[in-house]
N, C-alpha and C. Protein backbone atom coordinates (compact mmCIF):
# COMPACT_ATOMS: atom_id res chain seq x y z
N MET A 1 -16.30 -14.46 61.14
CA MET A 1 -15.63 -13.10 60.93
C MET A 1 -16.71 -12.14 60.85
N ARG A 2 -16.69 -11.07 61.84
CA ARG A 2 -17.38 -9.93 61.69
C ARG A 2 -16.70 -8.74 61.17
N ALA A 3 -17.05 -8.03 60.09
CA ALA A 3 -16.50 -6.91 59.59
C ALA A 3 -17.32 -5.70 59.61
N ASP A 4 -16.81 -4.60 60.10
CA ASP A 4 -17.44 -3.23 60.18
C ASP A 4 -16.63 -2.48 59.11
N ILE A 5 -17.48 -1.94 58.14
CA ILE A 5 -16.92 -0.82 57.26
C ILE A 5 -17.34 0.55 57.81
N VAL A 6 -16.44 1.32 58.23
CA VAL A 6 -16.78 2.67 58.82
C VAL A 6 -16.84 3.62 57.64
N VAL A 7 -18.10 4.20 57.57
CA VAL A 7 -18.38 5.12 56.39
C VAL A 7 -18.47 6.61 56.82
N PHE A 8 -18.37 7.51 56.00
CA PHE A 8 -18.42 8.89 56.33
C PHE A 8 -18.90 9.71 55.09
N ASP A 9 -19.42 10.79 55.10
CA ASP A 9 -19.88 11.61 54.10
C ASP A 9 -18.70 11.86 53.03
N GLY A 10 -18.86 11.54 51.74
CA GLY A 10 -17.75 11.81 50.85
C GLY A 10 -16.87 10.57 50.64
N ALA A 11 -17.13 9.48 51.34
CA ALA A 11 -16.34 8.25 51.11
C ALA A 11 -16.37 7.90 49.67
N ASP A 12 -15.47 7.24 49.15
CA ASP A 12 -15.44 6.73 47.80
C ASP A 12 -16.53 5.63 47.66
N ASP A 13 -17.37 5.61 46.71
CA ASP A 13 -18.39 4.72 46.59
C ASP A 13 -17.77 3.24 46.48
N LEU A 14 -16.85 3.00 45.55
CA LEU A 14 -16.30 1.61 45.29
C LEU A 14 -15.42 1.19 46.54
N ASP A 15 -14.79 2.12 47.22
CA ASP A 15 -14.03 1.69 48.43
C ASP A 15 -14.97 1.08 49.38
N VAL A 16 -16.19 1.42 49.47
CA VAL A 16 -17.21 0.97 50.44
C VAL A 16 -17.98 -0.24 49.84
N VAL A 17 -18.53 -0.04 48.68
CA VAL A 17 -19.37 -1.05 48.08
C VAL A 17 -18.64 -2.31 47.55
N GLY A 18 -17.30 -2.22 47.20
CA GLY A 18 -16.58 -3.31 46.71
C GLY A 18 -16.39 -4.37 47.87
N PRO A 19 -15.85 -4.05 48.95
CA PRO A 19 -15.56 -4.85 50.09
C PRO A 19 -16.98 -5.35 50.82
N TYR A 20 -17.93 -4.42 50.73
CA TYR A 20 -19.32 -4.86 51.21
C TYR A 20 -19.90 -5.99 50.43
N GLU A 21 -19.82 -5.84 49.07
CA GLU A 21 -20.30 -6.92 48.25
C GLU A 21 -19.59 -8.25 48.42
N VAL A 22 -18.25 -8.26 48.44
CA VAL A 22 -17.39 -9.41 48.57
C VAL A 22 -17.72 -10.08 49.90
N LEU A 23 -17.74 -9.40 51.03
CA LEU A 23 -17.86 -9.96 52.35
C LEU A 23 -19.42 -10.42 52.54
N GLY A 24 -20.23 -9.66 51.95
CA GLY A 24 -21.69 -9.96 52.05
C GLY A 24 -21.98 -11.24 51.30
N LEU A 25 -21.42 -11.40 50.11
CA LEU A 25 -21.54 -12.60 49.28
C LEU A 25 -21.02 -13.80 50.14
N ALA A 26 -19.90 -13.75 50.79
CA ALA A 26 -19.35 -14.80 51.63
C ALA A 26 -20.36 -15.06 52.74
N GLY A 27 -20.92 -14.13 53.30
CA GLY A 27 -21.94 -14.42 54.34
C GLY A 27 -23.14 -15.07 53.79
N ARG A 28 -23.61 -14.71 52.62
CA ARG A 28 -24.87 -15.50 52.17
C ARG A 28 -24.55 -16.85 51.59
N ALA A 29 -23.30 -17.09 51.30
CA ALA A 29 -22.78 -18.39 50.92
C ALA A 29 -22.54 -19.35 52.18
N GLY A 30 -22.80 -18.74 53.31
CA GLY A 30 -22.61 -19.69 54.46
C GLY A 30 -21.26 -19.74 54.89
N GLN A 31 -20.39 -18.83 54.71
CA GLN A 31 -19.00 -18.96 55.14
C GLN A 31 -18.58 -18.26 56.40
N GLY A 32 -19.55 -17.87 57.23
CA GLY A 32 -19.35 -17.43 58.56
C GLY A 32 -18.86 -15.96 58.61
N VAL A 33 -19.34 -15.25 57.63
CA VAL A 33 -18.96 -13.89 57.48
C VAL A 33 -20.05 -12.90 57.68
N THR A 34 -20.01 -11.84 58.53
CA THR A 34 -21.09 -10.79 58.49
C THR A 34 -20.32 -9.52 58.32
N VAL A 35 -21.07 -8.63 57.66
CA VAL A 35 -20.47 -7.25 57.43
C VAL A 35 -21.57 -6.19 57.63
N ARG A 36 -21.30 -5.12 58.03
CA ARG A 36 -22.20 -4.05 58.20
C ARG A 36 -21.54 -2.55 58.04
N LEU A 37 -22.22 -1.62 57.65
CA LEU A 37 -21.84 -0.34 57.63
C LEU A 37 -21.98 0.46 58.87
N VAL A 38 -20.93 1.06 59.42
CA VAL A 38 -21.10 1.87 60.61
C VAL A 38 -20.69 3.13 60.49
N CYS A 39 -20.96 4.06 61.24
CA CYS A 39 -20.47 5.54 61.33
C CYS A 39 -20.44 5.99 62.75
N LEU A 40 -19.71 7.15 62.95
CA LEU A 40 -19.56 7.61 64.24
C LEU A 40 -20.83 8.21 64.89
N ASP A 41 -21.71 8.89 64.01
CA ASP A 41 -22.88 9.40 64.38
C ASP A 41 -24.13 8.52 64.19
N GLY A 42 -23.94 7.21 64.02
CA GLY A 42 -24.99 6.33 63.56
C GLY A 42 -25.98 6.17 64.76
N PRO A 43 -27.17 5.54 64.33
CA PRO A 43 -27.44 5.19 63.07
C PRO A 43 -27.88 6.39 62.18
N ARG A 44 -27.55 6.52 60.96
CA ARG A 44 -27.96 7.56 59.99
C ARG A 44 -27.52 7.23 58.65
N THR A 45 -28.03 8.06 57.67
CA THR A 45 -27.61 7.74 56.27
C THR A 45 -26.42 8.61 55.98
N VAL A 46 -25.47 7.98 55.45
CA VAL A 46 -24.28 8.58 54.84
C VAL A 46 -24.38 8.64 53.41
N THR A 47 -23.85 9.84 52.92
CA THR A 47 -23.86 9.97 51.42
C THR A 47 -22.48 9.99 50.90
N THR A 48 -22.22 9.02 49.93
CA THR A 48 -20.93 8.87 49.44
C THR A 48 -20.43 10.01 48.40
N ALA A 49 -19.26 10.09 47.95
CA ALA A 49 -18.82 11.00 46.99
C ALA A 49 -19.65 11.12 45.75
N GLY A 50 -20.21 9.78 45.39
CA GLY A 50 -21.12 9.83 44.08
C GLY A 50 -22.52 10.09 44.37
N GLY A 51 -22.79 10.39 45.52
CA GLY A 51 -24.22 10.67 45.99
C GLY A 51 -25.13 9.45 46.36
N LEU A 52 -24.39 8.37 46.67
CA LEU A 52 -25.12 7.16 46.93
C LEU A 52 -25.40 7.16 48.46
N PRO A 53 -26.82 7.15 48.81
CA PRO A 53 -27.15 7.15 50.30
C PRO A 53 -26.92 5.76 50.80
N LEU A 54 -26.23 5.75 52.03
CA LEU A 54 -26.03 4.42 52.64
C LEU A 54 -26.42 4.38 54.05
N PRO A 55 -27.35 3.56 54.51
CA PRO A 55 -27.77 3.49 55.95
C PRO A 55 -26.62 2.90 56.64
N ALA A 56 -26.24 3.56 57.71
CA ALA A 56 -25.11 3.07 58.52
C ALA A 56 -25.56 2.99 60.03
N ALA A 57 -25.15 1.83 60.75
CA ALA A 57 -25.33 1.62 62.09
C ALA A 57 -24.47 2.31 63.00
N ASP A 58 -24.72 2.23 64.21
CA ASP A 58 -23.66 2.91 65.17
C ASP A 58 -22.38 2.27 65.26
N TRP A 59 -21.29 3.16 65.60
CA TRP A 59 -19.96 2.74 65.71
C TRP A 59 -19.80 1.86 66.89
N ALA A 60 -19.37 0.55 66.77
CA ALA A 60 -19.13 -0.43 67.87
C ALA A 60 -18.08 -1.35 67.51
N PRO A 61 -16.83 -0.75 67.41
CA PRO A 61 -15.58 -1.60 67.02
C PRO A 61 -15.34 -2.57 67.99
N GLN A 62 -15.83 -2.62 69.29
CA GLN A 62 -15.51 -3.67 70.24
C GLN A 62 -16.29 -4.94 69.82
N GLU A 63 -17.20 -4.94 68.93
CA GLU A 63 -17.96 -5.96 68.56
C GLU A 63 -17.44 -6.62 67.18
N ALA A 64 -16.40 -5.97 66.70
CA ALA A 64 -15.94 -6.56 65.37
C ALA A 64 -14.59 -7.28 65.40
N ASP A 65 -14.41 -8.10 64.41
CA ASP A 65 -12.98 -8.69 64.30
C ASP A 65 -12.14 -7.81 63.43
N VAL A 66 -12.85 -7.25 62.39
CA VAL A 66 -12.09 -6.38 61.42
C VAL A 66 -12.90 -5.01 61.29
N VAL A 67 -12.16 -3.89 61.21
CA VAL A 67 -12.78 -2.55 60.86
C VAL A 67 -12.09 -2.09 59.63
N ILE A 68 -12.82 -1.88 58.55
CA ILE A 68 -12.21 -1.44 57.31
C ILE A 68 -12.59 0.07 57.16
N VAL A 69 -11.57 0.82 56.72
CA VAL A 69 -11.61 2.31 56.58
C VAL A 69 -11.44 2.48 55.00
N PRO A 70 -12.54 3.09 54.44
CA PRO A 70 -12.42 3.45 53.05
C PRO A 70 -11.66 4.86 52.83
N GLY A 71 -11.38 5.15 51.55
CA GLY A 71 -10.78 6.47 51.31
C GLY A 71 -11.81 7.29 50.53
N GLY A 72 -11.41 8.36 49.81
CA GLY A 72 -12.32 9.21 49.10
C GLY A 72 -12.11 10.66 49.43
N GLY A 73 -11.87 11.49 48.40
CA GLY A 73 -11.75 12.80 48.76
C GLY A 73 -10.53 13.35 49.23
N TYR A 74 -9.53 12.57 49.09
CA TYR A 74 -8.14 12.87 49.61
C TYR A 74 -7.41 13.99 48.76
N ALA A 75 -7.66 13.84 47.35
CA ALA A 75 -6.94 14.67 46.51
C ALA A 75 -7.70 16.10 46.45
N ARG A 76 -8.75 16.22 47.04
CA ARG A 76 -9.58 17.55 46.94
C ARG A 76 -9.72 18.07 48.36
N SER A 77 -9.85 19.32 48.41
CA SER A 77 -10.25 20.08 49.71
C SER A 77 -11.66 20.33 49.60
N GLU A 78 -12.41 19.59 50.40
CA GLU A 78 -13.86 19.67 50.28
C GLU A 78 -14.52 19.69 51.80
N THR A 79 -15.81 19.70 51.90
CA THR A 79 -16.40 19.81 53.21
C THR A 79 -16.78 18.40 53.54
N SER A 80 -16.39 17.35 52.73
CA SER A 80 -16.63 15.91 53.13
C SER A 80 -15.64 15.22 52.54
N GLY A 81 -15.44 13.89 53.01
CA GLY A 81 -14.40 13.02 52.42
C GLY A 81 -13.19 12.95 53.45
N ILE A 82 -12.04 12.34 53.09
CA ILE A 82 -10.89 12.16 53.89
C ILE A 82 -10.38 13.45 54.45
N ARG A 83 -10.29 14.42 53.60
CA ARG A 83 -9.76 15.76 54.09
C ARG A 83 -10.50 16.32 55.13
N ALA A 84 -11.80 16.25 55.13
CA ALA A 84 -12.75 16.75 56.06
C ALA A 84 -12.54 16.02 57.39
N GLU A 85 -12.47 14.69 57.33
CA GLU A 85 -12.26 13.73 58.41
C GLU A 85 -10.98 14.07 59.07
N LEU A 86 -9.83 14.27 58.36
CA LEU A 86 -8.62 14.63 59.01
C LEU A 86 -8.66 16.01 59.56
N ASP A 87 -9.35 16.97 59.00
CA ASP A 87 -9.53 18.26 59.68
C ASP A 87 -10.27 18.23 61.04
N SER A 88 -11.34 17.32 61.03
CA SER A 88 -12.13 17.24 62.27
C SER A 88 -11.37 16.47 63.30
N GLY A 89 -10.68 15.41 63.00
CA GLY A 89 -9.90 14.61 63.92
C GLY A 89 -10.70 13.61 64.66
N ARG A 90 -12.06 13.61 64.46
CA ARG A 90 -12.84 12.66 65.34
C ARG A 90 -12.62 11.28 64.95
N LEU A 91 -12.68 10.89 63.56
CA LEU A 91 -12.62 9.54 63.14
C LEU A 91 -11.18 9.09 63.52
N PRO A 92 -10.01 9.73 63.13
CA PRO A 92 -8.66 9.20 63.62
C PRO A 92 -8.69 9.02 65.05
N ALA A 93 -9.33 9.85 65.92
CA ALA A 93 -9.23 9.56 67.29
C ALA A 93 -10.12 8.32 67.83
N ALA A 94 -11.23 8.15 67.14
CA ALA A 94 -12.13 6.82 67.23
C ALA A 94 -11.21 5.69 66.88
N LEU A 95 -10.50 5.79 65.77
CA LEU A 95 -9.74 4.64 65.36
C LEU A 95 -8.66 4.27 66.29
N ALA A 96 -8.00 5.24 66.82
CA ALA A 96 -6.91 5.16 67.65
C ALA A 96 -7.35 4.46 69.04
N ALA A 97 -8.66 4.95 69.48
CA ALA A 97 -9.29 4.32 70.59
C ALA A 97 -9.81 2.91 70.56
N ALA A 98 -10.07 2.64 69.23
CA ALA A 98 -10.69 1.30 68.98
C ALA A 98 -9.54 0.12 68.95
N ALA A 99 -8.29 0.52 68.70
CA ALA A 99 -7.22 -0.50 68.59
C ALA A 99 -7.13 -1.27 69.81
N ARG A 100 -7.11 -2.70 69.72
CA ARG A 100 -6.97 -3.48 70.87
C ARG A 100 -6.54 -4.95 70.30
N PRO A 101 -5.99 -5.79 71.23
CA PRO A 101 -5.59 -7.13 70.65
C PRO A 101 -6.79 -7.81 70.20
N GLY A 102 -6.61 -8.54 68.96
CA GLY A 102 -7.59 -9.21 68.38
C GLY A 102 -8.46 -8.48 67.35
N LEU A 103 -8.29 -7.15 67.18
CA LEU A 103 -8.91 -6.47 66.20
C LEU A 103 -7.95 -6.12 65.14
N VAL A 104 -8.32 -6.43 63.82
CA VAL A 104 -7.60 -6.03 62.58
C VAL A 104 -8.14 -4.72 62.04
N LEU A 105 -7.24 -3.78 61.88
CA LEU A 105 -7.67 -2.51 61.32
C LEU A 105 -7.20 -2.71 59.82
N ALA A 106 -8.09 -2.26 58.86
CA ALA A 106 -7.86 -2.37 57.42
C ALA A 106 -8.20 -1.07 56.84
N SER A 107 -7.60 -0.85 55.58
CA SER A 107 -8.05 0.31 54.91
C SER A 107 -8.00 0.07 53.43
N VAL A 108 -8.76 0.79 52.65
CA VAL A 108 -8.76 0.78 51.17
C VAL A 108 -8.24 2.25 50.79
N CYS A 109 -7.31 2.07 49.73
CA CYS A 109 -7.03 3.39 49.14
C CYS A 109 -6.49 4.37 50.10
N THR A 110 -6.89 5.58 50.13
CA THR A 110 -6.42 6.75 50.96
C THR A 110 -7.02 6.62 52.30
N GLY A 111 -7.85 5.53 52.66
CA GLY A 111 -8.24 5.29 53.98
C GLY A 111 -7.06 5.07 54.92
N ALA A 112 -6.01 4.65 54.35
CA ALA A 112 -4.75 4.50 55.17
C ALA A 112 -4.35 5.93 55.78
N MET A 113 -4.74 7.02 55.16
CA MET A 113 -4.29 8.21 55.81
C MET A 113 -5.11 8.52 57.10
N LEU A 114 -6.22 7.91 57.26
CA LEU A 114 -6.88 8.22 58.40
C LEU A 114 -6.31 7.32 59.54
N LEU A 115 -5.80 6.06 59.22
CA LEU A 115 -4.96 5.31 60.09
C LEU A 115 -3.79 5.96 60.54
N ALA A 116 -3.05 6.55 59.49
CA ALA A 116 -1.90 7.27 59.81
C ALA A 116 -2.08 8.40 60.79
N ALA A 117 -3.21 9.11 60.56
CA ALA A 117 -3.51 10.34 61.45
C ALA A 117 -3.75 9.85 62.93
N ALA A 118 -4.32 8.52 62.92
CA ALA A 118 -4.52 7.86 64.33
C ALA A 118 -3.29 7.40 64.95
N GLY A 119 -2.16 7.61 64.18
CA GLY A 119 -0.87 7.07 64.82
C GLY A 119 -0.70 5.47 64.67
N LEU A 120 -1.44 4.90 63.84
CA LEU A 120 -1.45 3.43 63.84
C LEU A 120 -0.47 2.78 62.73
N LEU A 121 0.05 3.78 61.91
CA LEU A 121 0.93 3.19 60.84
C LEU A 121 2.42 3.48 61.02
N THR A 122 2.80 4.16 62.16
CA THR A 122 4.21 4.58 62.34
C THR A 122 5.03 3.24 62.42
N GLY A 123 5.89 3.14 61.57
CA GLY A 123 6.87 2.12 61.45
C GLY A 123 6.33 0.76 60.89
N ARG A 124 5.04 0.94 60.40
CA ARG A 124 4.28 -0.35 59.98
C ARG A 124 4.40 -0.46 58.42
N ALA A 125 4.57 -1.64 58.01
CA ALA A 125 4.36 -1.99 56.51
C ALA A 125 3.00 -1.60 56.04
N CYS A 126 2.80 -0.87 55.00
CA CYS A 126 1.44 -0.53 54.57
C CYS A 126 1.53 -0.01 52.98
N THR A 127 0.30 0.23 52.59
CA THR A 127 0.24 0.83 51.24
C THR A 127 -0.93 1.72 51.11
N THR A 128 -1.12 2.36 50.10
CA THR A 128 -2.24 3.16 49.74
C THR A 128 -2.22 3.56 48.29
N HIS A 129 -3.16 4.45 47.90
CA HIS A 129 -3.25 4.99 46.52
C HIS A 129 -1.91 5.71 46.16
N HIS A 130 -1.34 5.40 44.86
CA HIS A 130 -0.04 5.79 44.42
C HIS A 130 0.13 7.28 44.61
N ARG A 131 -0.90 8.05 44.52
CA ARG A 131 -0.73 9.53 44.65
C ARG A 131 -0.65 9.93 46.10
N ALA A 132 -0.87 9.10 47.01
CA ALA A 132 -0.69 9.40 48.43
C ALA A 132 0.38 8.72 49.09
N VAL A 133 1.26 8.08 48.40
CA VAL A 133 2.43 7.31 49.01
C VAL A 133 3.42 8.35 49.68
N GLU A 134 3.77 9.32 49.10
CA GLU A 134 4.69 10.31 49.74
C GLU A 134 4.10 10.80 50.99
N ASP A 135 2.79 11.02 51.11
CA ASP A 135 2.27 11.48 52.37
C ASP A 135 2.14 10.35 53.39
N LEU A 136 1.97 9.16 52.82
CA LEU A 136 2.00 7.99 53.82
C LEU A 136 3.36 7.87 54.51
N VAL A 137 4.41 8.02 53.65
CA VAL A 137 5.81 7.83 54.24
C VAL A 137 6.12 8.94 55.20
N ALA A 138 5.60 10.17 54.78
CA ALA A 138 5.90 11.29 55.68
C ALA A 138 5.15 11.14 56.91
N ALA A 139 4.03 10.41 56.98
CA ALA A 139 3.29 10.20 58.28
C ALA A 139 3.87 9.15 59.10
N GLY A 140 4.93 8.47 58.62
CA GLY A 140 5.57 7.51 59.39
C GLY A 140 5.27 6.06 58.93
N GLY A 141 4.48 5.81 57.87
CA GLY A 141 4.34 4.44 57.37
C GLY A 141 5.68 3.92 56.44
N ARG A 142 5.61 2.70 56.46
CA ARG A 142 6.78 2.00 55.55
C ARG A 142 6.05 1.55 54.52
N HIS A 143 6.21 2.21 53.42
CA HIS A 143 5.45 1.75 52.17
C HIS A 143 5.94 0.63 51.49
N VAL A 144 5.16 -0.39 51.18
CA VAL A 144 5.32 -1.70 50.46
C VAL A 144 4.69 -1.57 49.10
N ASP A 145 5.30 -1.75 48.04
CA ASP A 145 4.74 -1.75 46.69
C ASP A 145 4.05 -3.06 46.48
N ALA A 146 2.80 -3.22 46.96
CA ALA A 146 2.09 -4.28 46.80
C ALA A 146 0.51 -3.96 46.66
N ARG A 147 -0.25 -4.88 46.18
CA ARG A 147 -1.72 -4.58 46.01
C ARG A 147 -2.40 -4.57 47.41
N VAL A 148 -2.01 -5.64 48.31
CA VAL A 148 -2.55 -5.82 49.58
C VAL A 148 -1.36 -6.03 50.49
N VAL A 149 -1.32 -5.44 51.67
CA VAL A 149 -0.15 -5.63 52.53
C VAL A 149 -0.82 -5.98 53.89
N ASP A 150 -0.48 -7.23 54.34
CA ASP A 150 -1.01 -7.83 55.59
C ASP A 150 0.26 -7.77 56.58
N ASP A 151 0.13 -6.83 57.69
CA ASP A 151 1.13 -6.77 58.66
C ASP A 151 0.57 -7.14 60.03
N GLY A 152 -0.16 -8.24 59.85
CA GLY A 152 -0.71 -8.77 61.13
C GLY A 152 -2.04 -8.16 61.62
N ASP A 153 -2.07 -7.27 62.49
CA ASP A 153 -3.30 -6.61 62.94
C ASP A 153 -3.61 -5.34 62.13
N LEU A 154 -2.90 -5.15 61.05
CA LEU A 154 -3.00 -4.06 60.03
C LEU A 154 -2.87 -4.55 58.74
N VAL A 155 -4.01 -4.28 57.85
CA VAL A 155 -4.07 -4.85 56.53
C VAL A 155 -4.51 -3.50 55.64
N THR A 156 -3.66 -3.28 54.68
CA THR A 156 -3.98 -2.11 53.82
C THR A 156 -3.89 -2.48 52.33
N ALA A 157 -4.62 -1.80 51.50
CA ALA A 157 -4.77 -2.05 50.14
C ALA A 157 -4.59 -0.80 49.31
N GLY A 158 -3.84 -0.71 48.29
CA GLY A 158 -3.64 0.46 47.49
C GLY A 158 -4.56 0.55 46.26
N GLY A 159 -5.28 1.74 46.10
CA GLY A 159 -5.97 1.87 44.91
C GLY A 159 -7.45 1.63 45.15
N ILE A 160 -8.36 2.35 44.43
CA ILE A 160 -9.86 2.25 44.64
C ILE A 160 -10.28 0.85 44.48
N THR A 161 -9.94 0.24 43.39
CA THR A 161 -10.51 -1.26 43.19
C THR A 161 -9.90 -2.29 44.12
N SER A 162 -8.86 -1.84 44.85
CA SER A 162 -8.26 -2.86 45.68
C SER A 162 -9.09 -3.31 46.98
N GLY A 163 -10.19 -2.73 47.06
CA GLY A 163 -11.17 -3.08 48.08
C GLY A 163 -11.67 -4.46 47.89
N LEU A 164 -11.77 -4.82 46.66
CA LEU A 164 -12.07 -6.29 46.25
C LEU A 164 -11.11 -7.06 46.59
N ASP A 165 -9.80 -6.92 46.44
CA ASP A 165 -8.70 -7.85 46.77
C ASP A 165 -8.51 -7.91 48.27
N LEU A 166 -8.77 -6.75 48.86
CA LEU A 166 -8.62 -6.75 50.44
C LEU A 166 -9.52 -7.65 51.03
N ALA A 167 -10.91 -7.53 50.63
CA ALA A 167 -11.89 -8.36 51.14
C ALA A 167 -11.81 -9.91 50.86
N ILE A 168 -11.28 -10.20 49.66
CA ILE A 168 -11.07 -11.62 49.30
C ILE A 168 -9.91 -12.28 50.23
N TRP A 169 -8.88 -11.32 50.41
CA TRP A 169 -7.75 -11.91 51.24
C TRP A 169 -8.32 -12.00 52.57
N LEU A 170 -9.12 -11.11 53.19
CA LEU A 170 -9.66 -11.28 54.50
C LEU A 170 -10.52 -12.56 54.67
N ILE A 171 -11.26 -12.89 53.63
CA ILE A 171 -11.98 -14.03 53.59
C ILE A 171 -11.00 -15.27 53.65
N GLU A 172 -10.00 -15.28 52.93
CA GLU A 172 -9.04 -16.43 52.89
C GLU A 172 -8.29 -16.47 54.21
N ARG A 173 -7.95 -15.38 54.74
CA ARG A 173 -7.18 -15.27 56.04
C ARG A 173 -8.13 -15.88 57.25
N TYR A 174 -9.37 -15.56 57.30
CA TYR A 174 -10.22 -15.99 58.35
C TYR A 174 -10.97 -17.26 58.07
N ARG A 175 -11.29 -17.47 56.80
CA ARG A 175 -12.27 -18.59 56.52
C ARG A 175 -11.68 -19.69 55.59
N GLY A 176 -10.44 -19.40 55.14
CA GLY A 176 -9.76 -20.38 54.37
C GLY A 176 -9.69 -20.11 52.80
N ALA A 177 -8.77 -20.74 52.11
CA ALA A 177 -8.53 -20.57 50.63
C ALA A 177 -9.92 -21.11 49.91
N GLN A 178 -10.53 -22.13 50.38
CA GLN A 178 -11.64 -22.58 49.72
C GLN A 178 -12.76 -21.65 49.71
N ALA A 179 -13.04 -20.92 50.88
CA ALA A 179 -14.17 -20.06 50.90
C ALA A 179 -13.72 -18.81 49.94
N ALA A 180 -12.53 -18.42 49.97
CA ALA A 180 -12.00 -17.27 49.10
C ALA A 180 -12.23 -17.63 47.60
N ALA A 181 -11.92 -18.91 47.28
CA ALA A 181 -12.05 -19.22 45.85
C ALA A 181 -13.57 -19.42 45.49
N LEU A 182 -14.49 -19.78 46.36
CA LEU A 182 -15.84 -19.79 46.17
C LEU A 182 -16.42 -18.36 45.73
N VAL A 183 -16.01 -17.39 46.51
CA VAL A 183 -16.34 -16.06 46.35
C VAL A 183 -15.86 -15.57 44.97
N GLN A 184 -14.57 -15.90 44.72
CA GLN A 184 -14.05 -15.45 43.31
C GLN A 184 -14.77 -16.07 42.08
N GLN A 185 -15.21 -17.21 42.35
CA GLN A 185 -15.91 -17.92 41.25
C GLN A 185 -17.23 -17.28 41.09
N VAL A 186 -17.91 -17.00 42.06
CA VAL A 186 -19.29 -16.41 41.96
C VAL A 186 -19.14 -15.01 41.35
N LEU A 187 -18.19 -14.21 41.91
CA LEU A 187 -18.02 -12.78 41.26
C LEU A 187 -17.40 -12.91 39.96
N GLU A 188 -16.75 -14.03 39.51
CA GLU A 188 -16.16 -14.14 38.23
C GLU A 188 -14.95 -12.99 38.27
N TYR A 189 -14.23 -12.97 39.34
CA TYR A 189 -13.15 -11.97 39.64
C TYR A 189 -11.95 -12.77 40.28
N GLU A 190 -10.77 -12.56 39.94
CA GLU A 190 -9.66 -13.24 40.45
C GLU A 190 -8.78 -12.01 41.25
N ARG A 191 -8.52 -12.43 42.41
CA ARG A 191 -7.81 -11.38 43.21
C ARG A 191 -6.51 -11.01 42.58
N ARG A 192 -6.27 -9.70 42.63
CA ARG A 192 -5.08 -9.24 41.99
C ARG A 192 -3.81 -9.31 42.89
N GLU A 193 -2.71 -9.53 42.52
CA GLU A 193 -1.52 -9.64 43.23
C GLU A 193 -0.65 -8.28 42.97
N PRO A 194 0.34 -8.11 43.76
CA PRO A 194 0.89 -8.97 44.77
C PRO A 194 0.28 -8.79 46.03
N LEU A 195 0.28 -9.91 46.94
CA LEU A 195 0.01 -9.85 48.26
C LEU A 195 1.22 -9.94 49.11
N TRP A 196 1.51 -8.94 50.01
CA TRP A 196 2.74 -9.03 50.94
C TRP A 196 2.15 -9.25 52.29
N ARG A 197 2.81 -10.27 52.87
CA ARG A 197 2.51 -10.62 54.37
C ARG A 197 3.70 -10.36 55.29
N SER A 198 3.47 -10.11 56.46
CA SER A 198 4.52 -9.91 57.40
C SER A 198 5.34 -11.04 57.36
N GLY A 199 6.71 -10.72 57.35
CA GLY A 199 7.80 -11.88 57.28
C GLY A 199 8.10 -12.11 55.86
N ASP A 200 7.39 -11.65 54.75
CA ASP A 200 7.79 -11.84 53.46
C ASP A 200 9.00 -10.93 53.18
N PRO A 201 9.95 -11.35 52.35
CA PRO A 201 10.97 -10.35 51.85
C PRO A 201 10.56 -9.26 51.07
N VAL A 202 11.17 -8.07 51.23
CA VAL A 202 10.64 -6.92 50.44
C VAL A 202 11.67 -6.80 49.36
N ALA A 203 11.32 -6.73 48.09
CA ALA A 203 12.15 -6.52 47.01
C ALA A 203 12.87 -5.10 46.99
N SER A 204 13.99 -5.04 46.60
CA SER A 204 14.78 -3.73 46.45
C SER A 204 13.91 -2.73 45.79
N GLY A 205 13.84 -1.59 46.44
CA GLY A 205 13.05 -0.51 45.89
C GLY A 205 11.48 -0.60 46.13
N ALA A 206 11.09 -1.73 46.65
CA ALA A 206 9.68 -1.83 46.89
C ALA A 206 9.10 -1.22 48.23
N ALA A 207 10.05 -0.87 49.09
CA ALA A 207 9.55 -0.12 50.30
C ALA A 207 10.42 0.92 50.54
N ARG A 208 9.85 1.95 51.26
CA ARG A 208 10.57 3.18 51.67
C ARG A 208 9.85 3.70 52.89
């Protein structure tokens, strides 16, 4: 499994570093997982919301099995972060163009709003940070109240720390429960539930 995490200036630190650490650990443990950071204008150094410099490679979604989109900066109007990416429109357009059979698009927290802007969440089961749920629904998404929502070629996670849970689930989905268990043991972290998968019943009031 090859995963690309697409980064941009103002992305939330943990949205990026959480899944990067989980997936990287799986790779180092010989579980057949590779992960890298990419950006539209790569290769270059991207600066997170917390000021962390991250070297990113060039955008090449055709080479990935999974593309993960972090959030960050959605609640604020700034010159970087989700709001700036939405205003620019370049990243949503690139995500829309990247969609193809065999590629899973995933998001952490408000990264879902970039997928929504790309037109990829319309009518789809998905989740995001609780403060952005109304906007997600207004953009056409079908919100499911779960930690991670797996709707086939679309996997979304709600909340900043949910990037850990998203990545562990992706390891289980692609490499099996044993690989995911190994990663959790090394991290001393247990994936938080609930996990919702396509075909699962949705409890009353859990989706809108």
